[in-house]
Amino acid sequence: MLMKPALFPKFHRVGTIDTTPHLRDGQPMHWAGSPLNEPTPDDFARIGAFVKYSVNVECENASADVPDVFRLTDSDRAAVDLMLTAGQWVGEMDEEYKDNFVTLKVNRRELTADERTGMIEEPERFRLIPVELEDAFRVDVLRRTCLFPYVRLVELGKRPRRIRGGFMADPQFTSGAKNKPEGEEQPKPSVIAGRDTPLFWACAALEIDSITSRDAEAVGRQYVGTFGSKSAEWLDRVIVMGDGMTEPRGLVATPELTEINSVAGPSGPPKVEDYERMLFGVPRAFRGEKGAVCAFVGNDTSYRRARAMYLPNPADERRVFGMAHNAYELLSEPYLIAAAAPNSFAAYASLTRYRMYAQPGAGMRVEFLRVHGKLSPVLMVFRRRFGGQMEHEAAACVCRDMQG
């Protein structure tokens, strides 16, 4: 079957609602530089078969009954056998090495005969998912997010807990400085500093009872759609609101960023000067950077208040920023909606200077509940690892005391 490239939609979508215009409308999707294809019905059928197979394995290990909708059909078994023998996999597995177990990464490769046997006999050592599920998840996330498509995404090949990194400040020249006598220590400018990025698990759960169809394709679509939408909501939230302690560090929790105070304060209303100062609070070097995506960031209420600023003449009902409210622009710059941001927060940022690290693969497991002395599966848990923060404190300017 001819693969069709996945394309960005015309509008950002929240749930089933089209919101702001997409800045990459019609462009091919990429994940950390790798192009993505549109999932086919066969892909979703294989994903659904794998999900049903995983539930069967977990129930067998826990000596629990398999729910009727998850019972494998002959076509499901054939799909799983084909993926095990000829499919590619992503994730990690525990391999025995010198009487210990080490974690090995598996990134888009077929399994060996021993690994296939281990997947069947010792599934607890293998945290692998088929590439069909990985790619369908990526497409779904990119299609649903408002901020995430514009950040700098880095895919990790290893499994570190923290990304060791740093940044170099701009060197400064001074004039009139004299050389110190020989033997005296010369001053060393502090232009290099460490900046590590920890990785965090992001988890979501789907109730077993919410799956009502026996059809593998329907199961695959519901699985990808549910976890894709929740992952998209989480990623957009942490880019702005992440606390940096239990999740990636967002704009709100980065005190080093350039900050302004609004003219009118928390009692409002916003002023044109507030947005001008945010815009020019980011140096031209970042605003004019090749490939940079710079935009105002805030919630829909903040945007409405900015658009509501009227002209001085009471008889003139036109607005300062014009009447094209659905353009989602201020000062000729795009305005991206961060639904989780409070009314008091707004920012102007080069989003391509936010670096997000993503671990390929996912952790999947089933949670059980004992009812009348018998275990029953109740939840499917989906886990992925992310970490992120702004690369440079001058690449964003925030205001934390807009009208509340």
Protein backbone atom coordinates (compact mmCIF):
# COMPACT_ATOMS: atom_id res chain seq x y z
CA MET A 1 0.00 0.00 0.00
CA LEU A 2 1.30 3.44 -0.97
CA MET A 3 2.12 5.43 2.15
CA LYS A 4 0.56 8.88 2.41
CA PRO A 5 2.58 11.57 4.22
CA ALA A 6 0.87 12.95 7.33
CA LEU A 7 0.14 16.67 6.97
CA PHE A 8 -0.55 19.34 9.55
CA PRO A 9 -4.21 20.47 9.63
CA LYS A 10 -5.48 23.95 8.74
CA PHE A 11 -6.43 24.70 12.35
CA HIS A 12 -5.23 23.62 15.76
CA ARG A 13 -7.80 21.29 17.25
CA VAL A 14 -8.90 20.92 20.86
CA GLY A 15 -11.06 17.81 21.09
CA THR A 16 -13.36 18.17 18.07
CA ILE A 17 -13.22 21.98 17.94
CA ASP A 18 -11.03 23.88 15.47
CA THR A 19 -9.32 26.78 17.23
CA THR A 20 -6.42 28.96 16.06
CA PRO A 21 -4.97 28.82 12.52
CA HIS A 22 -2.08 26.36 12.25
CA LEU A 23 1.23 28.00 11.40
CA ARG A 24 2.30 24.92 9.41
CA ASP A 25 -0.95 24.33 7.53
CA GLY A 26 -0.49 21.61 4.90
CA GLN A 27 3.19 20.95 5.68
CA PRO A 28 4.44 17.38 6.22
CA MET A 29 4.68 16.23 9.82
CA HIS A 30 8.06 15.39 11.34
CA TRP A 31 8.98 13.96 14.73
CA ALA A 32 12.51 14.96 15.74
CA GLY A 33 13.35 15.39 12.05
CA SER A 34 11.86 12.06 10.90
CA PRO A 35 8.92 12.24 8.45
CA LEU A 36 5.64 10.63 9.45
CA ASN A 37 3.07 8.80 7.34
CA GLU A 38 -0.68 8.70 7.80
CA PRO A 39 -1.76 5.53 9.68
CA THR A 40 -3.73 3.12 7.51
CA PRO A 41 -6.72 0.97 8.55
CA ASP A 42 -4.36 -2.03 8.56
CA ASP A 43 -2.06 -0.18 10.95
CA PHE A 44 -4.93 0.43 13.37
CA ALA A 45 -5.99 -3.21 13.06
CA ARG A 46 -2.47 -4.35 14.03
CA ILE A 47 -2.43 -1.85 16.91
CA GLY A 48 -5.77 -3.16 18.16
CA ALA A 49 -4.56 -6.76 17.89
CA PHE A 50 -1.45 -5.89 19.90
CA VAL A 51 -3.51 -4.13 22.59
CA LYS A 52 -5.82 -7.14 22.89
CA TYR A 53 -2.82 -9.49 22.97
CA SER A 54 -1.18 -7.42 25.75
CA VAL A 55 -4.35 -7.55 27.86
CA ASN A 56 -4.54 -11.33 27.33
CA VAL A 57 -0.92 -11.79 28.46
CA GLU A 58 -1.41 -9.61 31.58
CA CYS A 59 -4.61 -11.43 32.51
CA GLU A 60 -2.95 -14.81 32.05
CA ASN A 61 -0.03 -13.82 34.29
CA ALA A 62 -2.43 -12.55 36.97
CA SER A 63 -4.74 -15.58 36.66
CA ALA A 64 -7.62 -13.26 35.80
CA ASP A 65 -10.43 -13.72 33.30
CA VAL A 66 -10.04 -11.95 29.95
CA PRO A 67 -12.92 -9.55 29.17
CA ASP A 68 -15.00 -10.75 26.23
CA VAL A 69 -14.16 -7.80 23.97
CA PHE A 70 -10.44 -8.55 24.36
CA ARG A 71 -10.59 -12.21 23.39
CA LEU A 72 -8.30 -12.81 20.43
CA THR A 73 -9.74 -13.85 17.08
CA ASP A 74 -7.83 -15.84 14.48
CA SER A 75 -7.08 -12.65 12.53
CA ASP A 76 -5.79 -11.00 15.72
CA ARG A 77 -3.42 -13.92 16.38
CA ALA A 78 -2.22 -13.83 12.78
CA ALA A 79 -1.52 -10.08 13.04
CA VAL A 80 0.42 -10.50 16.28
CA ASP A 81 2.43 -13.44 14.87
CA LEU A 82 3.31 -11.35 11.80
CA MET A 83 4.47 -8.43 13.97
CA LEU A 84 6.57 -10.75 16.14
CA THR A 85 8.28 -12.41 13.18
CA ALA A 86 8.60 -9.58 10.66
CA GLY A 87 7.51 -6.35 12.37
CA GLN A 88 9.64 -3.58 13.80
CA TRP A 89 9.55 -2.64 17.47
CA VAL A 90 10.35 0.33 19.70
CA GLY A 91 11.04 0.44 23.43
CA GLU A 92 13.33 -1.31 25.88
CA MET A 93 13.95 -4.75 27.31
CA ASP A 94 15.89 -6.27 30.20
CA GLU A 95 18.66 -8.57 29.00
CA GLU A 96 20.62 -10.91 31.25
CA TYR A 97 24.30 -10.03 31.34
CA LYS A 98 26.86 -11.55 33.75
CA ASP A 99 24.22 -12.66 36.26
CA ASN A 100 22.57 -9.22 36.12
CA PHE A 101 19.95 -7.60 33.96
CA VAL A 102 20.77 -4.55 31.84
CA THR A 103 18.27 -2.39 29.97
CA LEU A 104 18.70 -2.37 26.21
CA LYS A 105 17.04 0.04 23.80
CA VAL A 106 15.16 -1.29 20.80
CA ASN A 107 14.59 1.33 18.11
CA ARG A 108 12.82 0.29 14.93
CA ARG A 109 14.22 -3.14 14.36
CA GLU A 110 12.98 -6.69 14.09
CA LEU A 111 13.28 -9.07 17.01
CA THR A 112 15.68 -11.99 17.10
CA ALA A 113 14.41 -15.52 17.64
CA ASP A 114 15.42 -15.43 21.33
CA GLU A 115 13.70 -12.07 21.80
CA ARG A 116 10.51 -13.35 20.19
CA THR A 117 10.55 -16.33 22.56
CA GLY A 118 11.15 -13.98 25.51
CA MET A 119 8.24 -11.75 24.46
CA ILE A 120 5.95 -14.78 24.73
CA GLU A 121 7.44 -16.54 27.79
CA GLU A 122 8.71 -13.59 29.87
CA PRO A 123 6.70 -10.53 28.81
CA GLU A 124 7.57 -8.64 32.00
CA ARG A 125 11.13 -8.15 30.68
CA PHE A 126 9.99 -6.58 27.42
CA ARG A 127 8.52 -3.07 27.31
CA LEU A 128 8.12 -2.92 23.55
CA ILE A 129 5.44 -1.59 21.24
CA PRO A 130 5.12 -2.03 17.45
CA VAL A 131 6.21 0.89 15.26
CA GLU A 132 2.64 1.16 13.99
CA LEU A 133 1.52 2.23 17.48
CA GLU A 134 4.51 4.56 17.96
CA ASP A 135 3.96 6.36 14.64
CA ALA A 136 0.17 6.57 15.00
CA PHE A 137 0.64 8.09 18.47
CA ARG A 138 3.08 10.69 17.10
CA VAL A 139 0.73 11.74 14.29
CA ASP A 140 -2.22 11.98 16.66
CA VAL A 141 -0.26 14.12 19.16
CA LEU A 142 1.05 16.52 16.51
CA ARG A 143 -2.44 16.87 15.05
CA ARG A 144 -4.01 17.80 18.41
CA THR A 145 -1.40 20.10 20.01
CA CYS A 146 -1.23 23.90 19.75
CA LEU A 147 2.29 24.57 21.10
CA PHE A 148 4.11 21.26 20.88
CA PRO A 149 4.52 21.21 17.04
CA TYR A 150 6.78 24.28 17.22
CA VAL A 151 9.24 23.27 19.96
CA ARG A 152 12.63 21.72 19.23
CA LEU A 153 12.07 18.00 19.71
CA VAL A 154 14.99 15.68 20.42
CA GLU A 155 14.49 11.91 20.43
CA LEU A 156 16.70 10.00 22.85
CA GLY A 157 18.40 6.78 21.90
CA LYS A 158 19.37 5.86 25.46
CA ARG A 159 17.51 5.79 28.74
CA PRO A 160 19.10 8.49 30.92
CA ARG A 161 17.30 10.00 33.87
CA ARG A 162 18.80 13.41 33.19
CA ILE A 163 20.16 15.10 30.08
CA ARG A 164 23.51 16.70 30.80
CA GLY A 165 23.74 20.03 29.03
CA GLY A 166 24.81 23.62 29.26
CA PHE A 167 24.83 26.93 27.50
CA MET A 168 27.38 29.58 26.59
CA ALA A 169 26.66 33.20 27.33
CA ASP A 170 27.66 35.91 24.87
CA PRO A 171 31.32 36.92 25.35
CA GLN A 172 31.92 40.53 26.36
CA PHE A 173 34.75 42.79 25.19
CA THR A 174 36.09 45.50 27.46
CA SER A 175 38.45 48.36 26.66
CA GLY A 176 41.29 49.86 28.67
CA ALA A 177 42.08 46.66 30.57
CA LYS A 178 45.71 46.20 31.58
CA ASN A 179 47.59 42.95 31.71
CA LYS A 180 48.31 41.77 35.23
CA PRO A 181 51.93 41.19 36.23
CA GLU A 182 53.27 37.77 35.42
CA GLY A 183 52.28 35.23 38.02
CA GLU A 184 48.96 36.83 38.93
CA GLU A 185 45.85 34.92 38.01
CA GLN A 186 43.95 36.37 35.07
CA PRO A 187 40.17 36.85 35.49
CA LYS A 188 38.12 34.09 33.91
CA PRO A 189 34.74 35.23 32.61
CA SER A 190 31.85 32.99 33.51
CA VAL A 191 30.44 32.36 30.04
CA ILE A 192 29.69 28.64 30.30
CA ALA A 193 27.18 27.20 32.73
CA GLY A 194 25.54 23.83 33.18
CA ARG A 195 21.86 23.32 32.45
CA ASP A 196 20.61 19.78 32.93
CA THR A 197 17.20 18.53 31.89
CA PRO A 198 15.61 15.72 33.95
CA LEU A 199 13.23 13.25 32.34
CA PHE A 200 9.83 12.46 33.82
CA TRP A 201 7.24 9.75 33.31
CA ALA A 202 3.87 10.90 31.99
CA CYS A 203 1.05 8.43 32.69
CA ALA A 204 -2.56 8.09 31.63
CA ALA A 205 -5.13 5.33 32.11
CA LEU A 206 -8.07 4.05 30.08
CA GLU A 207 -10.88 2.08 31.66
CA ILE A 208 -11.17 -1.44 30.32
CA ASP A 209 -14.97 -1.15 30.25
CA SER A 210 -14.77 1.84 27.87
CA ILE A 211 -13.70 -0.53 25.08
CA THR A 212 -16.95 -1.91 23.72
CA SER A 213 -16.01 -3.09 20.23
CA ARG A 214 -14.46 -6.46 19.45
CA ASP A 215 -13.10 -5.20 16.13
CA ALA A 216 -9.32 -4.78 16.30
CA GLU A 217 -9.29 -1.67 14.08
CA ALA A 218 -11.87 0.06 16.31
CA VAL A 219 -9.88 -0.90 19.42
CA GLY A 220 -6.71 0.50 17.84
CA ARG A 221 -8.37 3.78 16.86
CA GLN A 222 -9.89 4.25 20.32
CA TYR A 223 -6.60 3.40 22.04
CA VAL A 224 -4.54 5.83 19.94
CA GLY A 225 -7.19 8.54 20.03
CA THR A 226 -7.66 8.40 23.81
CA PHE A 227 -4.00 8.40 24.78
CA GLY A 228 -3.06 10.75 21.94
CA SER A 229 -5.56 13.39 23.04
CA LYS A 230 -4.54 13.16 26.70
CA SER A 231 -0.84 13.29 25.79
CA ALA A 232 -1.45 16.35 23.60
CA GLU A 233 -3.30 18.10 26.42
CA TRP A 234 -0.48 17.29 28.85
CA LEU A 235 2.33 18.40 26.50
CA ASP A 236 0.74 21.77 25.73
CA ARG A 237 0.15 22.33 29.44
CA VAL A 238 3.70 21.56 30.61
CA ILE A 239 5.30 23.80 27.97
CA VAL A 240 3.59 26.72 29.73
CA MET A 241 2.73 25.50 33.24
CA GLY A 242 5.19 22.64 33.93
CA ASP A 243 6.72 22.90 37.42
CA GLY A 244 10.15 21.44 36.54
CA MET A 245 10.00 19.17 39.62
CA THR A 246 7.64 16.41 38.51
CA GLU A 247 7.25 17.36 34.85
CA PRO A 248 9.08 19.37 32.16
CA ARG A 249 9.77 22.98 33.09
CA GLY A 250 7.34 25.47 31.57
CA LEU A 251 7.46 29.21 30.95
CA VAL A 252 5.63 30.03 34.19
CA ALA A 253 8.17 28.14 36.34
CA THR A 254 11.27 29.63 34.68
CA PRO A 255 12.27 32.66 36.78
CA GLU A 256 15.33 33.42 34.62
CA LEU A 257 13.17 34.55 31.69
CA THR A 258 12.84 38.25 30.87
CA GLU A 259 9.80 39.57 32.76
CA ILE A 260 7.73 42.74 32.53
CA ASN A 261 4.93 44.13 34.69
CA SER A 262 1.67 45.15 33.05
CA VAL A 263 0.85 48.85 32.96
CA ALA A 264 -2.50 48.56 34.75
CA GLY A 265 -1.59 45.66 37.03
CA PRO A 266 -3.79 42.70 38.00
CA SER A 267 -6.89 44.88 38.11
CA GLY A 268 -6.49 45.46 34.35
CA PRO A 269 -7.36 46.11 31.63
CA PRO A 270 -4.45 45.19 29.33
CA LYS A 271 -2.72 47.91 27.34
CA VAL A 272 -1.07 47.94 23.93
CA GLU A 273 2.18 48.76 25.68
CA ASP A 274 2.04 45.45 27.55
CA TYR A 275 2.22 43.47 24.32
CA GLU A 276 4.74 45.83 22.74
CA ARG A 277 7.08 45.37 25.70
CA MET A 278 6.67 41.59 25.56
CA LEU A 279 7.41 41.59 21.83
CA PHE A 280 10.52 43.74 22.10
CA GLY A 281 11.55 42.03 25.34
CA VAL A 282 12.81 39.20 23.10
CA PRO A 283 15.95 40.35 21.27
CA ARG A 284 15.90 40.64 17.51
CA ALA A 285 18.50 37.87 17.33
CA PHE A 286 15.84 35.37 18.48
CA ARG A 287 12.91 36.93 16.64
CA GLY A 288 14.78 36.91 13.34
CA GLU A 289 16.44 33.53 13.79
CA LYS A 290 16.14 31.24 10.77
CA GLY A 291 13.30 28.77 11.23
CA ALA A 292 12.15 30.37 14.49
CA VAL A 293 8.47 30.24 15.41
CA CYS A 294 7.77 33.26 17.62
CA ALA A 295 4.30 33.87 19.02
CA PHE A 296 2.30 35.33 21.87
CA VAL A 297 1.08 32.65 24.27
CA GLY A 298 -1.92 32.92 26.60
CA ASN A 299 -5.44 31.66 27.12
CA ASP A 300 -8.51 32.62 25.09
CA THR A 301 -9.78 35.07 27.73
CA SER A 302 -6.52 37.02 27.62
CA TYR A 303 -6.74 37.14 23.83
CA ARG A 304 -10.33 38.39 23.97
CA ARG A 305 -9.34 41.14 26.39
CA ALA A 306 -6.45 42.20 24.15
CA ARG A 307 -8.73 42.33 21.14
CA ALA A 308 -11.33 44.32 23.10
CA MET A 309 -9.08 47.37 23.48
CA TYR A 310 -11.00 50.19 21.80
CA LEU A 311 -9.98 53.43 20.08
CA PRO A 312 -10.02 56.69 22.10
CA ASN A 313 -13.07 58.04 20.24
CA PRO A 314 -16.17 56.70 22.09
CA ALA A 315 -18.22 56.99 18.90
CA ASP A 316 -15.82 54.67 17.04
CA GLU A 317 -16.44 51.02 17.93
CA ARG A 318 -13.43 49.71 16.03
CA ARG A 319 -10.73 48.00 18.04
CA VAL A 320 -7.05 48.91 18.35
CA PHE A 321 -5.85 45.58 16.92
CA GLY A 322 -8.51 45.55 14.19
CA MET A 323 -11.68 43.54 13.77
CA ALA A 324 -10.21 40.25 12.48
CA HIS A 325 -10.62 38.52 15.82
CA ASN A 326 -10.46 34.97 14.40
CA ALA A 327 -7.03 35.64 12.88
CA TYR A 328 -5.50 35.13 16.34
CA GLU A 329 -2.82 37.73 15.80
CA LEU A 330 -1.50 40.70 17.78
CA LEU A 331 1.02 43.20 16.39
CA SER A 332 1.27 41.02 13.24
CA GLU A 333 2.47 38.10 15.38
CA PRO A 334 0.52 34.84 15.90
CA TYR A 335 -1.27 34.27 19.19
CA LEU A 336 -1.30 30.62 20.31
CA ILE A 337 -3.82 29.40 22.86
CA ALA A 338 -2.55 27.73 26.02
CA ALA A 339 -5.78 26.57 27.65
CA ALA A 340 -4.08 25.79 30.98
CA ALA A 341 -2.55 29.26 31.38
CA PRO A 342 -4.22 31.57 33.94
CA ASN A 343 -5.79 34.87 32.89
CA SER A 344 -2.95 36.73 34.62
CA PHE A 345 -0.26 35.19 32.39
CA ALA A 346 0.86 36.07 28.87
CA ALA A 347 4.17 35.67 27.07
CA TYR A 348 5.97 36.22 23.83
CA ALA A 349 8.41 33.42 23.08
CA SER A 350 10.54 31.79 20.44
CA LEU A 351 9.03 28.33 20.80
CA THR A 352 11.79 26.73 18.76
CA ARG A 353 14.07 27.67 21.67
CA TYR A 354 12.08 25.34 23.95
CA ARG A 355 13.85 21.98 23.80
CA MET A 356 11.73 18.90 24.49
CA TYR A 357 13.32 15.48 24.94
CA ALA A 358 11.21 12.41 24.16
CA GLN A 359 11.98 8.77 24.87
CA PRO A 360 10.75 6.48 22.05
CA GLY A 361 8.46 3.64 23.02
CA ALA A 362 5.95 3.41 25.82
CA GLY A 363 5.26 1.51 28.99
CA MET A 364 2.00 -0.45 28.87
CA ARG A 365 0.43 -2.41 31.69
CA VAL A 366 -2.94 -3.50 33.06
CA GLU A 367 -4.14 -2.68 36.57
CA PHE A 368 -6.33 -5.21 38.37
CA LEU A 369 -8.91 -4.93 41.14
CA ARG A 370 -9.90 -7.77 43.41
CA VAL A 371 -13.69 -8.18 43.49
CA HIS A 372 -15.23 -10.93 45.64
CA GLY A 373 -11.82 -12.57 45.95
CA LYS A 374 -11.23 -12.58 42.19
CA LEU A 375 -8.94 -10.33 40.13
CA SER A 376 -10.52 -8.36 37.33
CA PRO A 377 -8.74 -6.01 34.87
CA VAL A 378 -9.95 -2.42 35.28
CA LEU A 379 -7.40 -0.05 33.70
CA MET A 380 -4.93 0.06 30.83
CA VAL A 381 -1.99 2.32 31.76
CA PHE A 382 0.11 4.09 29.14
CA ARG A 383 3.45 5.73 30.06
CA ARG A 384 6.04 7.79 28.18
CA ARG A 385 9.10 9.81 29.22
CA PHE A 386 9.59 13.51 28.45
CA GLY A 387 11.80 16.33 29.65
CA GLY A 388 12.14 19.92 28.54
CA GLN A 389 12.89 23.56 29.26
CA MET A 390 13.82 26.82 27.52
CA GLU A 391 17.31 26.78 26.02
CA HIS A 392 17.98 30.48 26.67
CA GLU A 393 16.43 32.86 29.18
CA ALA A 394 16.34 35.71 26.63
CA ALA A 395 14.24 33.72 24.13
CA ALA A 396 10.97 34.52 25.96
CA CYS A 397 9.45 37.50 27.74
CA VAL A 398 6.64 36.86 30.22
CA CYS A 399 4.11 38.94 32.11
CA ARG A 400 2.64 37.38 35.25
CA ASP A 401 0.37 40.22 36.43
CA MET A 402 -2.05 40.72 33.57
CA GLN A 403 -5.71 41.29 34.39
CA GLY A 404 -6.88 38.34 36.46
